[in-house]
Amino acid sequence: MNWQQSVVLITGGTGSFGKKCIDILLKEYHPKKVIVFSRDELKQHEMRAGGIDHPSMRYFLGDIRDRDRLRRAMHGVDIVIHAAAMKQVPACEYNPSEAVLTNVSGAQNIVDAAIECGVHRVLGLSTDKAVNPVNLYGATKLCEEKLLVQGNSYAGSRDTRFSCTRYGNVLGSRGSVIPVFRQQRSSGRLTVTDPRMTRFWLTLEQGVRFVLRAIEEMHGGELFIPRIPSMRIMDLAKALAPECKIEITGIRPGEKLHEVMISRDEARHAARTDDKYVVFPEYPWWTADRWADGKPLPDGFEYTSDANDQWVTEDELLRMVGEK
């Protein structure tokens, strides 16, 4: 694919992911045009005023709940990166209808508008919480995955193709535990919900580059999952604030002890490459030879943060968060 001739639209483009993605796109990929689609005019103003501006940039106000506005925004667009979502677990639990309207109905609007406007490739950003979901946020993201993958059936003979990425916690992003620990360490006390907890970790730049590579490699229908390391939450706390006391507060509603990025059922129709796993759709239009170089996963395989074969060391973590 030719990025230089492509028009890219990023929903939720004012978020942590969107900002980093735009920075990398403008510096290295040089697309014909980059469109930020989001509903917060203040954040768009702050981005532009903060220097995230370029002759190829466009700031487009709109909500993914509004299908007509999406159609207008996607006119002439080649690639859509769908990053807009309600993602704060407590907010989704307290406002379930709002989470469904944004994460589920919004995803359906993305599918419909992309097909109608002739967008070539759509990649959605999902989360480990979509696997065996225990909270509403995870359930809505599971629905989003299903809607996007099945969007390939609706596209039919048209050129529009849909895929998703699914990955774990992004170091230092909004809502991440690292900013919380940094704020708490001045008080000499960190709060941990459960000392047994493990999480997958990757940097924001790693997440963005994984998404951009998935766009280049997708055939339509795949779920792309990076092979990334895990870390124990207690190791993270001790690395960031070794002098602080740890207070155990108890696991929160809708929180898991360990993350799962591929379930055993999904593993039956998935493959491993050097740096990622690919889950294939189970639909008649999918042909398995599209990923002939992938290795099938063993029977009973499950990709979980506590049974991972890669672990972040304390030194690696401190380098990843810029403290060493």
C-alpha atoms as a PDB file:
ATOM      1  CA  MET A   1       0.000   0.000   0.000  1.00  0.00           C
ATOM      2  CA  ASN A   2       1.041   3.581  -0.639  1.00  0.00           C
ATOM      3  CA  TRP A   3       0.748   5.734   2.470  1.00  0.00           C
ATOM      4  CA  GLN A   4       1.809   8.861   0.580  1.00  0.00           C
ATOM      5  CA  GLN A   5      -1.318   8.633  -1.574  1.00  0.00           C
ATOM      6  CA  SER A   6      -3.651   7.724   1.306  1.00  0.00           C
ATOM      7  CA  VAL A   7      -6.113   9.809   3.288  1.00  0.00           C
ATOM      8  CA  VAL A   8      -6.206   8.580   6.916  1.00  0.00           C
ATOM      9  CA  LEU A   9      -9.012   9.278   9.400  1.00  0.00           C
ATOM     10  CA  ILE A  10      -8.526   8.579  13.114  1.00  0.00           C
ATOM     11  CA  THR A  11     -11.609   8.448  15.302  1.00  0.00           C
ATOM     12  CA  GLY A  12     -10.868   9.566  18.843  1.00  0.00           C
ATOM     13  CA  GLY A  13      -7.778  11.214  17.409  1.00  0.00           C
ATOM     14  CA  THR A  14      -7.282  13.581  20.359  1.00  0.00           C
ATOM     15  CA  GLY A  15      -6.462  10.719  22.754  1.00  0.00           C
ATOM     16  CA  SER A  16      -3.048   9.364  23.744  1.00  0.00           C
ATOM     17  CA  PHE A  17      -3.019   6.883  20.873  1.00  0.00           C
ATOM     18  CA  GLY A  18      -4.211   9.413  18.309  1.00  0.00           C
ATOM     19  CA  LYS A  19      -1.563  11.984  19.174  1.00  0.00           C
ATOM     20  CA  LYS A  20       1.280   9.479  18.983  1.00  0.00           C
ATOM     21  CA  CYS A  21      -0.108   7.935  15.807  1.00  0.00           C
ATOM     22  CA  ILE A  22      -0.337  11.315  14.089  1.00  0.00           C
ATOM     23  CA  ASP A  23       3.209  12.183  15.172  1.00  0.00           C
ATOM     24  CA  ILE A  24       4.594   8.981  13.617  1.00  0.00           C
ATOM     25  CA  LEU A  25       2.436   9.264  10.492  1.00  0.00           C
ATOM     26  CA  LEU A  26       3.552  12.818   9.758  1.00  0.00           C
ATOM     27  CA  LYS A  27       7.242  12.175  10.444  1.00  0.00           C
ATOM     28  CA  GLU A  28       7.657   8.789   8.766  1.00  0.00           C
ATOM     29  CA  TYR A  29       4.684   7.854   6.546  1.00  0.00           C
ATOM     30  CA  HIS A  30       3.734  11.243   5.015  1.00  0.00           C
ATOM     31  CA  PRO A  31       0.105  10.473   4.137  1.00  0.00           C
ATOM     32  CA  LYS A  32      -1.760  12.707   1.714  1.00  0.00           C
ATOM     33  CA  LYS A  33      -4.087  13.833   4.497  1.00  0.00           C
ATOM     34  CA  VAL A  34      -4.725  13.022   8.173  1.00  0.00           C
ATOM     35  CA  ILE A  35      -8.172  13.722   9.635  1.00  0.00           C
ATOM     36  CA  VAL A  36      -8.803  13.874  13.382  1.00  0.00           C
ATOM     37  CA  PHE A  37     -12.414  12.925  14.068  1.00  0.00           C
ATOM     38  CA  SER A  38     -13.539  13.600  17.648  1.00  0.00           C
ATOM     39  CA  ARG A  39     -16.300  15.349  19.579  1.00  0.00           C
ATOM     40  CA  ASP A  40     -14.282  17.607  21.916  1.00  0.00           C
ATOM     41  CA  GLU A  41     -13.492  20.961  20.322  1.00  0.00           C
ATOM     42  CA  LEU A  42     -11.299  22.004  23.275  1.00  0.00           C
ATOM     43  CA  LYS A  43      -9.008  18.986  22.868  1.00  0.00           C
ATOM     44  CA  GLN A  44      -8.772  19.645  19.140  1.00  0.00           C
ATOM     45  CA  HIS A  45      -7.857  23.284  19.825  1.00  0.00           C
ATOM     46  CA  GLU A  46      -5.247  22.233  22.396  1.00  0.00           C
ATOM     47  CA  MET A  47      -3.721  19.758  19.926  1.00  0.00           C
ATOM     48  CA  ARG A  48      -3.445  22.387  17.220  1.00  0.00           C
ATOM     49  CA  ALA A  49      -2.167  25.038  19.624  1.00  0.00           C
ATOM     50  CA  GLY A  50       0.318  22.539  21.040  1.00  0.00           C
ATOM     51  CA  GLY A  51       1.992  22.136  17.680  1.00  0.00           C
ATOM     52  CA  ILE A  52       0.206  19.066  16.315  1.00  0.00           C
ATOM     53  CA  ASP A  53      -0.549  20.794  13.045  1.00  0.00           C
ATOM     54  CA  HIS A  54       0.539  20.380   9.445  1.00  0.00           C
ATOM     55  CA  PRO A  55      -0.710  21.397   5.995  1.00  0.00           C
ATOM     56  CA  SER A  56      -2.055  17.857   5.558  1.00  0.00           C
ATOM     57  CA  MET A  57      -3.941  17.890   8.900  1.00  0.00           C
ATOM     58  CA  ARG A  58      -7.696  18.360   9.233  1.00  0.00           C
ATOM     59  CA  TYR A  59      -9.667  18.631  12.476  1.00  0.00           C
ATOM     60  CA  PHE A  60     -13.223  17.367  12.072  1.00  0.00           C
ATOM     61  CA  LEU A  61     -15.754  17.693  14.890  1.00  0.00           C
ATOM     62  CA  GLY A  62     -18.187  14.826  15.174  1.00  0.00           C
ATOM     63  CA  ASP A  63     -19.412  11.886  17.232  1.00  0.00           C
ATOM     64  CA  ILE A  64     -19.250   8.272  16.064  1.00  0.00           C
ATOM     65  CA  ARG A  65     -22.833   7.958  17.279  1.00  0.00           C
ATOM     66  CA  ASP A  66     -23.812  10.221  14.353  1.00  0.00           C
ATOM     67  CA  ARG A  67     -23.788   8.128  11.182  1.00  0.00           C
ATOM     68  CA  ASP A  68     -24.470  11.059   8.861  1.00  0.00           C
ATOM     69  CA  ARG A  69     -21.537  13.004  10.282  1.00  0.00           C
ATOM     70  CA  LEU A  70     -19.305   9.952   9.876  1.00  0.00           C
ATOM     71  CA  ARG A  71     -20.331   9.613   6.248  1.00  0.00           C
ATOM     72  CA  ARG A  72     -19.409  13.242   5.652  1.00  0.00           C
ATOM     73  CA  ALA A  73     -16.044  12.786   7.369  1.00  0.00           C
ATOM     74  CA  MET A  74     -15.204   9.565   5.475  1.00  0.00           C
ATOM     75  CA  HIS A  75     -15.814  11.012   2.027  1.00  0.00           C
ATOM     76  CA  GLY A  76     -12.599  10.395   0.076  1.00  0.00           C
ATOM     77  CA  VAL A  77     -10.932   8.529   2.969  1.00  0.00           C
ATOM     78  CA  ASP A  78      -8.780   5.456   2.270  1.00  0.00           C
ATOM     79  CA  ILE A  79      -7.892   4.256   5.796  1.00  0.00           C
ATOM     80  CA  VAL A  80      -9.833   4.527   9.064  1.00  0.00           C
ATOM     81  CA  ILE A  81      -8.189   3.863  12.419  1.00  0.00           C
ATOM     82  CA  HIS A  82     -11.024   3.467  14.910  1.00  0.00           C
ATOM     83  CA  ALA A  83      -9.725   4.480  18.340  1.00  0.00           C
ATOM     84  CA  ALA A  84     -12.769   6.317  19.741  1.00  0.00           C
ATOM     85  CA  ALA A  85     -14.356   4.632  22.769  1.00  0.00           C
ATOM     86  CA  MET A  86     -15.644   5.000  26.272  1.00  0.00           C
ATOM     87  CA  LYS A  87     -12.946   3.030  28.067  1.00  0.00           C
ATOM     88  CA  GLN A  88     -13.036   3.928  31.770  1.00  0.00           C
ATOM     89  CA  VAL A  89     -14.432   0.808  33.446  1.00  0.00           C
ATOM     90  CA  PRO A  90     -16.256   2.587  36.339  1.00  0.00           C
ATOM     91  CA  ALA A  91     -17.788   5.143  33.949  1.00  0.00           C
ATOM     92  CA  CYS A  92     -19.071   2.368  31.688  1.00  0.00           C
ATOM     93  CA  GLU A  93     -20.528   0.479  34.663  1.00  0.00           C
ATOM     94  CA  TYR A  94     -22.353   3.552  35.941  1.00  0.00           C
ATOM     95  CA  ASN A  95     -23.492   4.716  32.483  1.00  0.00           C
ATOM     96  CA  PRO A  96     -24.119   1.451  30.612  1.00  0.00           C
ATOM     97  CA  SER A  97     -26.431   2.882  27.958  1.00  0.00           C
ATOM     98  CA  GLU A  98     -23.854   5.546  27.080  1.00  0.00           C
ATOM     99  CA  ALA A  99     -21.114   2.933  26.757  1.00  0.00           C
ATOM    100  CA  VAL A 100     -23.307   0.850  24.437  1.00  0.00           C
ATOM    101  CA  LEU A 101     -24.169   3.864  22.275  1.00  0.00           C
ATOM    102  CA  THR A 102     -20.509   4.796  21.795  1.00  0.00           C
ATOM    103  CA  ASN A 103     -18.721   1.444  21.745  1.00  0.00           C
ATOM    104  CA  VAL A 104     -21.357  -0.724  20.062  1.00  0.00           C
ATOM    105  CA  SER A 105     -23.670   1.537  18.039  1.00  0.00           C
ATOM    106  CA  GLY A 106     -20.677   3.701  17.166  1.00  0.00           C
ATOM    107  CA  ALA A 107     -18.830   0.661  15.780  1.00  0.00           C
ATOM    108  CA  GLN A 108     -21.849  -0.250  13.665  1.00  0.00           C
ATOM    109  CA  ASN A 109     -21.888   3.300  12.312  1.00  0.00           C
ATOM    110  CA  ILE A 110     -18.195   2.983  11.424  1.00  0.00           C
ATOM    111  CA  VAL A 111     -18.921  -0.189   9.450  1.00  0.00           C
ATOM    112  CA  ASP A 112     -21.898   1.281   7.594  1.00  0.00           C
ATOM    113  CA  ALA A 113     -20.240   4.617   6.773  1.00  0.00           C
ATOM    114  CA  ALA A 114     -16.991   2.963   5.638  1.00  0.00           C
ATOM    115  CA  ILE A 115     -18.800   0.636   3.224  1.00  0.00           C
ATOM    116  CA  GLU A 116     -20.996   3.428   1.874  1.00  0.00           C
ATOM    117  CA  CYS A 117     -18.005   5.769   1.357  1.00  0.00           C
ATOM    118  CA  GLY A 118     -15.730   3.157  -0.193  1.00  0.00           C
ATOM    119  CA  VAL A 119     -13.035   3.254   2.505  1.00  0.00           C
ATOM    120  CA  HIS A 120     -10.381   0.640   1.680  1.00  0.00           C
ATOM    121  CA  ARG A 121      -9.180  -0.444   5.130  1.00  0.00           C
ATOM    122  CA  VAL A 122     -10.644  -0.045   8.622  1.00  0.00           C
ATOM    123  CA  LEU A 123      -8.714  -1.142  11.703  1.00  0.00           C
ATOM    124  CA  GLY A 124     -10.364  -1.091  15.132  1.00  0.00           C
ATOM    125  CA  LEU A 125      -8.509  -0.918  18.442  1.00  0.00           C
ATOM    126  CA  SER A 126      -9.751  -3.483  20.942  1.00  0.00           C
ATOM    127  CA  THR A 127      -8.541  -4.660  24.332  1.00  0.00           C
ATOM    128  CA  ASP A 128      -7.713  -7.790  26.296  1.00  0.00           C
ATOM    129  CA  LYS A 129     -10.838  -7.014  28.334  1.00  0.00           C
ATOM    130  CA  ALA A 130     -12.918  -8.186  25.361  1.00  0.00           C
ATOM    131  CA  VAL A 131     -11.803 -11.781  26.075  1.00  0.00           C
ATOM    132  CA  ASN A 132     -14.111 -13.514  28.572  1.00  0.00           C
ATOM    133  CA  PRO A 133     -15.427 -10.070  29.615  1.00  0.00           C
ATOM    134  CA  VAL A 134     -16.292  -9.471  33.270  1.00  0.00           C
ATOM    135  CA  ASN A 135     -17.302  -5.808  32.919  1.00  0.00           C
ATOM    136  CA  LEU A 136     -19.436  -3.784  30.534  1.00  0.00           C
ATOM    137  CA  TYR A 137     -16.464  -2.123  28.878  1.00  0.00           C
ATOM    138  CA  GLY A 138     -15.056  -5.515  27.895  1.00  0.00           C
ATOM    139  CA  ALA A 139     -18.471  -6.685  26.701  1.00  0.00           C
ATOM    140  CA  THR A 140     -18.908  -3.644  24.469  1.00  0.00           C
ATOM    141  CA  LYS A 141     -15.440  -4.083  22.989  1.00  0.00           C
ATOM    142  CA  LEU A 142     -16.235  -7.743  22.270  1.00  0.00           C
ATOM    143  CA  CYS A 143     -19.318  -6.523  20.395  1.00  0.00           C
ATOM    144  CA  GLU A 144     -17.155  -4.022  18.529  1.00  0.00           C
ATOM    145  CA  GLU A 145     -14.786  -6.793  17.440  1.00  0.00           C
ATOM    146  CA  LYS A 146     -17.686  -8.915  16.197  1.00  0.00           C
ATOM    147  CA  LEU A 147     -19.250  -5.999  14.307  1.00  0.00           C
ATOM    148  CA  LEU A 148     -16.004  -5.072  12.569  1.00  0.00           C
ATOM    149  CA  VAL A 149     -15.071  -8.633  11.615  1.00  0.00           C
ATOM    150  CA  GLN A 150     -18.567  -9.323  10.302  1.00  0.00           C
ATOM    151  CA  GLY A 151     -18.399  -6.029   8.405  1.00  0.00           C
ATOM    152  CA  ASN A 152     -16.369  -7.920   5.818  1.00  0.00           C
ATOM    153  CA  SER A 153     -19.456 -10.009   5.050  1.00  0.00           C
ATOM    154  CA  TYR A 154     -21.562  -6.892   4.559  1.00  0.00           C
ATOM    155  CA  ALA A 155     -18.914  -5.321   2.304  1.00  0.00           C
ATOM    156  CA  GLY A 156     -19.187  -8.284  -0.023  1.00  0.00           C
ATOM    157  CA  SER A 157     -17.474  -7.601  -3.352  1.00  0.00           C
ATOM    158  CA  ARG A 158     -16.671  -4.019  -2.383  1.00  0.00           C
ATOM    159  CA  ASP A 159     -13.075  -3.112  -1.588  1.00  0.00           C
ATOM    160  CA  THR A 160     -13.719  -2.213   2.069  1.00  0.00           C
ATOM    161  CA  ARG A 161     -12.020  -4.505   4.592  1.00  0.00           C
ATOM    162  CA  PHE A 162     -12.158  -4.549   8.392  1.00  0.00           C
ATOM    163  CA  SER A 163      -9.771  -5.962  11.018  1.00  0.00           C
ATOM    164  CA  CYS A 164      -8.940  -5.361  14.694  1.00  0.00           C
ATOM    165  CA  THR A 165      -5.957  -5.202  16.993  1.00  0.00           C
ATOM    166  CA  ARG A 166      -6.171  -6.377  20.577  1.00  0.00           C
ATOM    167  CA  TYR A 167      -3.519  -5.563  23.160  1.00  0.00           C
ATOM    168  CA  GLY A 168      -2.987  -4.906  26.866  1.00  0.00           C
ATOM    169  CA  ASN A 169      -2.033  -1.960  29.031  1.00  0.00           C
ATOM    170  CA  VAL A 170      -0.182   0.936  27.440  1.00  0.00           C
ATOM    171  CA  LEU A 171       2.517   2.346  29.688  1.00  0.00           C
ATOM    172  CA  GLY A 172       1.781   5.887  30.789  1.00  0.00           C
ATOM    173  CA  SER A 173      -1.437   6.337  28.792  1.00  0.00           C
ATOM    174  CA  ARG A 174      -4.450   8.084  30.273  1.00  0.00           C
ATOM    175  CA  GLY A 175      -6.027   5.724  32.789  1.00  0.00           C
ATOM    176  CA  SER A 176      -2.829   3.718  33.225  1.00  0.00           C
ATOM    177  CA  VAL A 177      -1.699   2.802  36.741  1.00  0.00           C
ATOM    178  CA  ILE A 178       1.731   4.392  36.214  1.00  0.00           C
ATOM    179  CA  PRO A 179       0.537   8.029  36.416  1.00  0.00           C
ATOM    180  CA  VAL A 180      -1.397   7.019  39.558  1.00  0.00           C
ATOM    181  CA  PHE A 181       1.703   5.507  41.167  1.00  0.00           C
ATOM    182  CA  ARG A 182       3.769   8.562  40.245  1.00  0.00           C
ATOM    183  CA  GLN A 183       1.229  10.817  41.890  1.00  0.00           C
ATOM    184  CA  GLN A 184       0.962   8.643  44.985  1.00  0.00           C
ATOM    185  CA  ARG A 185       4.682   8.151  45.631  1.00  0.00           C
ATOM    186  CA  SER A 186       5.088  11.715  46.943  1.00  0.00           C
ATOM    187  CA  SER A 187       2.821  10.684  49.814  1.00  0.00           C
ATOM    188  CA  GLY A 188       4.993   7.634  50.608  1.00  0.00           C
ATOM    189  CA  ARG A 189       2.109   5.214  50.022  1.00  0.00           C
ATOM    190  CA  LEU A 190       0.953   3.281  46.948  1.00  0.00           C
ATOM    191  CA  THR A 191      -2.396   1.513  46.624  1.00  0.00           C
ATOM    192  CA  VAL A 192      -2.538  -1.928  44.993  1.00  0.00           C
ATOM    193  CA  THR A 193      -5.817  -3.769  44.602  1.00  0.00           C
ATOM    194  CA  ASP A 194      -4.351  -7.296  44.736  1.00  0.00           C
ATOM    195  CA  PRO A 195      -0.667  -8.307  45.050  1.00  0.00           C
ATOM    196  CA  ARG A 196      -1.141 -11.369  42.791  1.00  0.00           C
ATOM    197  CA  MET A 197      -2.150  -9.275  39.779  1.00  0.00           C
ATOM    198  CA  THR A 198      -0.266  -9.493  36.467  1.00  0.00           C
ATOM    199  CA  ARG A 199      -0.642  -7.396  33.331  1.00  0.00           C
ATOM    200  CA  PHE A 200       0.585  -7.290  29.732  1.00  0.00           C
ATOM    201  CA  TRP A 201       2.659  -4.180  28.972  1.00  0.00           C
ATOM    202  CA  LEU A 202       3.730  -2.255  25.899  1.00  0.00           C
ATOM    203  CA  THR A 203       4.692   1.324  25.196  1.00  0.00           C
ATOM    204  CA  LEU A 204       2.483   3.769  23.320  1.00  0.00           C
ATOM    205  CA  GLU A 205       4.908   3.824  20.406  1.00  0.00           C
ATOM    206  CA  GLN A 206       4.934   0.025  20.235  1.00  0.00           C
ATOM    207  CA  GLY A 207       1.133   0.029  20.157  1.00  0.00           C
ATOM    208  CA  VAL A 208       0.990   2.607  17.361  1.00  0.00           C
ATOM    209  CA  ARG A 209       3.588   0.836  15.236  1.00  0.00           C
ATOM    210  CA  PHE A 210       1.788  -2.469  15.721  1.00  0.00           C
ATOM    211  CA  VAL A 211      -1.456  -0.881  14.475  1.00  0.00           C
ATOM    212  CA  LEU A 212       0.199   0.679  11.416  1.00  0.00           C
ATOM    213  CA  ARG A 213       1.836  -2.629  10.507  1.00  0.00           C
ATOM    214  CA  ALA A 214      -1.486  -4.455  10.931  1.00  0.00           C
ATOM    215  CA  ILE A 215      -3.073  -2.043   8.452  1.00  0.00           C
ATOM    216  CA  GLU A 216      -0.393  -2.964   5.919  1.00  0.00           C
ATOM    217  CA  GLU A 217      -0.743  -6.724   6.502  1.00  0.00           C
ATOM    218  CA  MET A 218      -4.499  -7.152   6.936  1.00  0.00           C
ATOM    219  CA  HIS A 219      -6.646  -9.073   4.477  1.00  0.00           C
ATOM    220  CA  GLY A 220      -9.842  -8.317   6.383  1.00  0.00           C
ATOM    221  CA  GLY A 221     -11.302 -10.241   9.317  1.00  0.00           C
ATOM    222  CA  GLU A 222      -8.157 -10.816  11.394  1.00  0.00           C
ATOM    223  CA  LEU A 223      -7.632 -10.039  15.055  1.00  0.00           C
ATOM    224  CA  PHE A 224      -3.978  -9.039  15.524  1.00  0.00           C
ATOM    225  CA  ILE A 225      -2.458  -9.625  18.980  1.00  0.00           C
ATOM    226  CA  PRO A 226       1.160  -8.641  19.705  1.00  0.00           C
ATOM    227  CA  ARG A 227       3.509 -10.945  21.591  1.00  0.00           C
ATOM    228  CA  ILE A 228       4.434  -8.669  24.477  1.00  0.00           C
ATOM    229  CA  PRO A 229       5.846  -9.152  27.990  1.00  0.00           C
ATOM    230  CA  SER A 230       3.999  -9.320  31.308  1.00  0.00           C
ATOM    231  CA  MET A 231       4.778  -7.722  34.641  1.00  0.00           C
ATOM    232  CA  ARG A 232       3.600  -8.348  38.185  1.00  0.00           C
ATOM    233  CA  ILE A 233       1.876  -5.335  39.687  1.00  0.00           C
ATOM    234  CA  MET A 234       3.993  -5.587  42.848  1.00  0.00           C
ATOM    235  CA  ASP A 235       7.187  -5.510  40.757  1.00  0.00           C
ATOM    236  CA  LEU A 236       5.873  -2.407  39.018  1.00  0.00           C
ATOM    237  CA  ALA A 237       5.106  -0.675  42.317  1.00  0.00           C
ATOM    238  CA  LYS A 238       8.514  -1.526  43.780  1.00  0.00           C
ATOM    239  CA  ALA A 239      10.331  -0.377  40.643  1.00  0.00           C
ATOM    240  CA  LEU A 240       8.619   3.004  40.530  1.00  0.00           C
ATOM    241  CA  ALA A 241       8.623   3.688  44.267  1.00  0.00           C
ATOM    242  CA  PRO A 242      10.913   1.293  46.178  1.00  0.00           C
ATOM    243  CA  GLU A 243      10.748   3.421  49.325  1.00  0.00           C
ATOM    244  CA  CYS A 244       6.944   3.539  49.519  1.00  0.00           C
ATOM    245  CA  LYS A 245       4.631   1.439  51.625  1.00  0.00           C
ATOM    246  CA  ILE A 246       2.077  -0.685  49.770  1.00  0.00           C
ATOM    247  CA  GLU A 247      -1.562  -0.610  50.846  1.00  0.00           C
ATOM    248  CA  ILE A 248      -3.740  -3.483  49.568  1.00  0.00           C
ATOM    249  CA  THR A 249      -7.227  -2.127  48.847  1.00  0.00           C
ATOM    250  CA  GLY A 250      -8.958  -5.227  47.423  1.00  0.00           C
ATOM    251  CA  ILE A 251      -9.847  -6.090  43.860  1.00  0.00           C
ATOM    252  CA  ARG A 252     -12.383  -3.751  42.284  1.00  0.00           C
ATOM    253  CA  PRO A 253     -15.662  -4.772  40.635  1.00  0.00           C
ATOM    254  CA  GLY A 254     -15.055  -5.835  37.045  1.00  0.00           C
ATOM    255  CA  GLU A 255     -11.293  -6.235  37.524  1.00  0.00           C
ATOM    256  CA  LYS A 256      -9.364  -9.415  36.661  1.00  0.00           C
ATOM    257  CA  LEU A 257      -6.356 -10.857  38.454  1.00  0.00           C
ATOM    258  CA  HIS A 258      -4.744 -11.788  35.141  1.00  0.00           C
ATOM    259  CA  GLU A 259      -5.344 -10.681  31.585  1.00  0.00           C
ATOM    260  CA  VAL A 260      -6.283 -12.966  28.701  1.00  0.00           C
ATOM    261  CA  MET A 261      -5.593 -11.933  25.109  1.00  0.00           C
ATOM    262  CA  ILE A 262      -6.427 -15.221  23.385  1.00  0.00           C
ATOM    263  CA  SER A 263      -8.940 -17.668  24.816  1.00  0.00           C
ATOM    264  CA  ARG A 264      -8.668 -21.427  24.358  1.00  0.00           C
ATOM    265  CA  ASP A 265     -11.603 -21.393  21.967  1.00  0.00           C
ATOM    266  CA  GLU A 266     -10.042 -18.668  19.829  1.00  0.00           C
ATOM    267  CA  ALA A 267      -6.695 -20.478  19.780  1.00  0.00           C
ATOM    268  CA  ARG A 268      -8.241 -23.240  17.684  1.00  0.00           C
ATOM    269  CA  HIS A 269      -8.501 -20.833  14.743  1.00  0.00           C
ATOM    270  CA  ALA A 270      -5.357 -18.761  15.309  1.00  0.00           C
ATOM    271  CA  ALA A 271      -1.697 -18.828  14.335  1.00  0.00           C
ATOM    272  CA  ARG A 272       1.592 -17.484  15.633  1.00  0.00           C
ATOM    273  CA  THR A 273       4.190 -15.532  13.691  1.00  0.00           C
ATOM    274  CA  ASP A 274       7.512 -14.179  14.961  1.00  0.00           C
ATOM    275  CA  ASP A 275       6.086 -11.185  16.820  1.00  0.00           C
ATOM    276  CA  LYS A 276       2.325 -11.663  16.989  1.00  0.00           C
ATOM    277  CA  TYR A 277      -0.686 -13.947  17.044  1.00  0.00           C
ATOM    278  CA  VAL A 278      -3.449 -13.743  14.436  1.00  0.00           C
ATOM    279  CA  VAL A 279      -6.973 -14.952  15.171  1.00  0.00           C
ATOM    280  CA  PHE A 280      -8.848 -15.846  11.994  1.00  0.00           C
ATOM    281  CA  PRO A 281     -12.581 -15.348  11.420  1.00  0.00           C
ATOM    282  CA  GLU A 282     -14.815 -18.394  11.164  1.00  0.00           C
ATOM    283  CA  TYR A 283     -16.792 -17.369   8.106  1.00  0.00           C
ATOM    284  CA  PRO A 284     -17.105 -18.946   4.636  1.00  0.00           C
ATOM    285  CA  TRP A 285     -15.402 -16.015   2.932  1.00  0.00           C
ATOM    286  CA  TRP A 286     -12.137 -16.547   4.854  1.00  0.00           C
ATOM    287  CA  THR A 287      -9.365 -18.627   3.289  1.00  0.00           C
ATOM    288  CA  ALA A 288      -6.727 -19.896   5.712  1.00  0.00           C
ATOM    289  CA  ASP A 289      -3.876 -19.766   3.201  1.00  0.00           C
ATOM    290  CA  ARG A 290      -3.734 -15.972   3.611  1.00  0.00           C
ATOM    291  CA  TRP A 291      -1.476 -16.590   6.627  1.00  0.00           C
ATOM    292  CA  ALA A 292       0.279 -19.724   5.412  1.00  0.00           C
ATOM    293  CA  ASP A 293       3.484 -18.764   7.217  1.00  0.00           C
ATOM    294  CA  GLY A 294       1.747 -18.744  10.610  1.00  0.00           C
ATOM    295  CA  LYS A 295       2.187 -21.705  12.962  1.00  0.00           C
ATOM    296  CA  PRO A 296      -0.987 -23.265  14.420  1.00  0.00           C
ATOM    297  CA  LEU A 297      -1.304 -22.995  18.188  1.00  0.00           C
ATOM    298  CA  PRO A 298      -1.143 -26.147  20.340  1.00  0.00           C
ATOM    299  CA  ASP A 299      -4.307 -27.702  21.686  1.00  0.00           C
ATOM    300  CA  GLY A 300      -5.452 -25.983  24.876  1.00  0.00           C
ATOM    301  CA  PHE A 301      -3.315 -22.890  24.275  1.00  0.00           C
ATOM    302  CA  GLU A 302      -4.331 -19.710  26.084  1.00  0.00           C
ATOM    303  CA  TYR A 303      -2.428 -16.421  26.001  1.00  0.00           C
ATOM    304  CA  THR A 304      -2.552 -15.056  29.556  1.00  0.00           C
ATOM    305  CA  SER A 305      -0.462 -12.523  31.474  1.00  0.00           C
ATOM    306  CA  ASP A 306       0.369 -14.935  34.317  1.00  0.00           C
ATOM    307  CA  ALA A 307       1.575 -17.773  32.054  1.00  0.00           C
ATOM    308  CA  ASN A 308       3.506 -15.616  29.609  1.00  0.00           C
ATOM    309  CA  ASP A 309       6.987 -16.642  28.418  1.00  0.00           C
ATOM    310  CA  GLN A 310       8.161 -13.008  28.400  1.00  0.00           C
ATOM    311  CA  TRP A 311       8.499 -10.838  31.526  1.00  0.00           C
ATOM    312  CA  VAL A 312       9.592  -7.222  31.924  1.00  0.00           C
ATOM    313  CA  THR A 313      12.554  -6.736  34.250  1.00  0.00           C
ATOM    314  CA  GLU A 314      12.768  -3.790  36.619  1.00  0.00           C
ATOM    315  CA  ASP A 315      15.486  -2.131  34.522  1.00  0.00           C
ATOM    316  CA  GLU A 316      13.478  -2.605  31.317  1.00  0.00           C
ATOM    317  CA  LEU A 317      10.405  -1.080  32.907  1.00  0.00           C
ATOM    318  CA  LEU A 318      12.257   1.976  34.166  1.00  0.00           C
ATOM    319  CA  ARG A 319      13.703   2.503  30.682  1.00  0.00           C
ATOM    320  CA  MET A 320      10.261   2.085  29.099  1.00  0.00           C
ATOM    321  CA  VAL A 321       8.745   4.800  31.293  1.00  0.00           C
ATOM    322  CA  GLY A 322      11.721   7.139  30.927  1.00  0.00           C
ATOM    323  CA  GLU A 323      13.024   6.895  34.500  1.00  0.00           C
ATOM    324  CA  LYS A 324      16.379   5.356  33.637  1.00  0.00           C
END
